[in-house]
């Protein structure tokens, strides 16, 4: 995989990257807000691990989706 500079990307590729980054940021924000509202007994695993993972790990949207699918107890 060759890294390209922003100026070398096509306008379509730029739009795609902006959209993907925005979607990832929005998913993270909603997941962190949801996590904050829940008590520890409604969370699978330690809350602090989820907070760190959602805040630090770059996952292209996969980690917030994991929170919504696996991390929350119903």
C-alpha atoms as a PDB file:
ATOM      1  CA  UNK A   1       0.000   0.000   0.000  1.00  0.00           C
ATOM      2  CA  UNK A   2       1.416   3.341  -1.044  1.00  0.00           C
ATOM      3  CA  UNK A   3       0.738   6.363   1.138  1.00  0.00           C
ATOM      4  CA  UNK A   4      -0.437   9.366  -0.829  1.00  0.00           C
ATOM      5  CA  UNK A   5      -0.513  13.009   0.051  1.00  0.00           C
ATOM      6  CA  UNK A   6      -3.874  14.737   0.317  1.00  0.00           C
ATOM      7  CA  UNK A   7      -3.144  16.794  -2.811  1.00  0.00           C
ATOM      8  CA  UNK A   8      -2.554  13.618  -4.824  1.00  0.00           C
ATOM      9  CA  UNK A   9      -5.993  12.147  -4.050  1.00  0.00           C
ATOM     10  CA  UNK A  10      -8.898  12.520  -6.430  1.00  0.00           C
ATOM     11  CA  UNK A  11     -11.840  14.667  -5.291  1.00  0.00           C
ATOM     12  CA  UNK A  12     -13.951  11.516  -4.928  1.00  0.00           C
ATOM     13  CA  UNK A  13     -11.348   9.857  -2.714  1.00  0.00           C
ATOM     14  CA  UNK A  14     -11.154  12.994  -0.575  1.00  0.00           C
ATOM     15  CA  UNK A  15     -14.934  13.056  -0.135  1.00  0.00           C
ATOM     16  CA  UNK A  16     -14.928   9.369   0.774  1.00  0.00           C
ATOM     17  CA  UNK A  17     -12.224   9.864   3.406  1.00  0.00           C
ATOM     18  CA  UNK A  18     -14.036  12.861   4.893  1.00  0.00           C
ATOM     19  CA  UNK A  19     -17.329  10.942   5.007  1.00  0.00           C
ATOM     20  CA  UNK A  20     -15.706   7.871   6.583  1.00  0.00           C
ATOM     21  CA  UNK A  21     -13.873   9.970   9.164  1.00  0.00           C
ATOM     22  CA  UNK A  22     -17.044  11.873  10.018  1.00  0.00           C
ATOM     23  CA  UNK A  23     -19.051   8.666  10.377  1.00  0.00           C
ATOM     24  CA  UNK A  24     -16.372   7.150  12.620  1.00  0.00           C
ATOM     25  CA  UNK A  25     -16.267  10.277  14.819  1.00  0.00           C
ATOM     26  CA  UNK A  26     -20.058  10.362  15.099  1.00  0.00           C
ATOM     27  CA  UNK A  27     -20.260   6.652  15.985  1.00  0.00           C
ATOM     28  CA  UNK A  28     -17.565   7.099  18.643  1.00  0.00           C
ATOM     29  CA  UNK A  29     -19.330  10.111  20.160  1.00  0.00           C
ATOM     30  CA  UNK A  30     -22.686   8.317  20.330  1.00  0.00           C
ATOM     31  CA  UNK A  31     -21.063   5.167  21.752  1.00  0.00           C
ATOM     32  CA  UNK A  32     -19.215   7.155  24.440  1.00  0.00           C
ATOM     33  CA  UNK A  33     -22.398   9.041  25.340  1.00  0.00           C
ATOM     34  CA  UNK A  34     -24.325   5.766  25.593  1.00  0.00           C
ATOM     35  CA  UNK A  35     -21.555   4.200  27.681  1.00  0.00           C
ATOM     36  CA  UNK A  36     -21.538   7.182  30.045  1.00  0.00           C
ATOM     37  CA  UNK A  37     -25.289   6.833  30.737  1.00  0.00           C
ATOM     38  CA  UNK A  38     -25.120   3.133  31.561  1.00  0.00           C
ATOM     39  CA  UNK A  39     -24.364   1.633  34.953  1.00  0.00           C
ATOM     40  CA  UNK A  40     -21.522  -0.872  35.254  1.00  0.00           C
ATOM     41  CA  UNK A  41     -23.943  -3.810  35.441  1.00  0.00           C
ATOM     42  CA  UNK A  42     -25.286  -2.892  31.990  1.00  0.00           C
ATOM     43  CA  UNK A  43     -21.827  -3.136  30.398  1.00  0.00           C
ATOM     44  CA  UNK A  44     -19.963  -6.253  29.338  1.00  0.00           C
ATOM     45  CA  UNK A  45     -16.448  -5.814  30.672  1.00  0.00           C
ATOM     46  CA  UNK A  46     -14.975  -2.882  32.593  1.00  0.00           C
ATOM     47  CA  UNK A  47     -16.322   0.511  31.533  1.00  0.00           C
ATOM     48  CA  UNK A  48     -12.847   2.066  31.633  1.00  0.00           C
ATOM     49  CA  UNK A  49     -11.602  -0.428  29.024  1.00  0.00           C
ATOM     50  CA  UNK A  50     -14.427   0.557  26.682  1.00  0.00           C
ATOM     51  CA  UNK A  51     -13.747   4.271  27.268  1.00  0.00           C
ATOM     52  CA  UNK A  52     -10.040   3.882  26.499  1.00  0.00           C
ATOM     53  CA  UNK A  53     -10.692   1.689  23.470  1.00  0.00           C
ATOM     54  CA  UNK A  54     -13.355   3.995  22.026  1.00  0.00           C
ATOM     55  CA  UNK A  55     -11.188   7.060  22.661  1.00  0.00           C
ATOM     56  CA  UNK A  56      -7.775   5.823  21.550  1.00  0.00           C
ATOM     57  CA  UNK A  57      -8.018   2.862  19.177  1.00  0.00           C
ATOM     58  CA  UNK A  58      -8.378   3.717  15.507  1.00  0.00           C
ATOM     59  CA  UNK A  59     -10.817   1.145  14.200  1.00  0.00           C
ATOM     60  CA  UNK A  60     -12.543   2.702  11.180  1.00  0.00           C
ATOM     61  CA  UNK A  61     -15.901   2.463  12.934  1.00  0.00           C
ATOM     62  CA  UNK A  62     -15.592  -1.187  13.933  1.00  0.00           C
ATOM     63  CA  UNK A  63     -15.058  -0.595  17.651  1.00  0.00           C
ATOM     64  CA  UNK A  64     -18.137   1.617  18.090  1.00  0.00           C
ATOM     65  CA  UNK A  65     -20.155  -1.027  16.242  1.00  0.00           C
ATOM     66  CA  UNK A  66     -18.723  -3.667  18.587  1.00  0.00           C
ATOM     67  CA  UNK A  67     -19.935  -1.564  21.521  1.00  0.00           C
ATOM     68  CA  UNK A  68     -23.484  -1.448  20.167  1.00  0.00           C
ATOM     69  CA  UNK A  69     -23.562  -5.143  19.210  1.00  0.00           C
ATOM     70  CA  UNK A  70     -21.570  -6.786  22.022  1.00  0.00           C
ATOM     71  CA  UNK A  71     -20.627  -4.343  24.785  1.00  0.00           C
ATOM     72  CA  UNK A  72     -24.096  -3.399  25.990  1.00  0.00           C
ATOM     73  CA  UNK A  73     -26.257  -5.705  28.052  1.00  0.00           C
ATOM     74  CA  UNK A  74     -29.924  -5.535  27.118  1.00  0.00           C
END
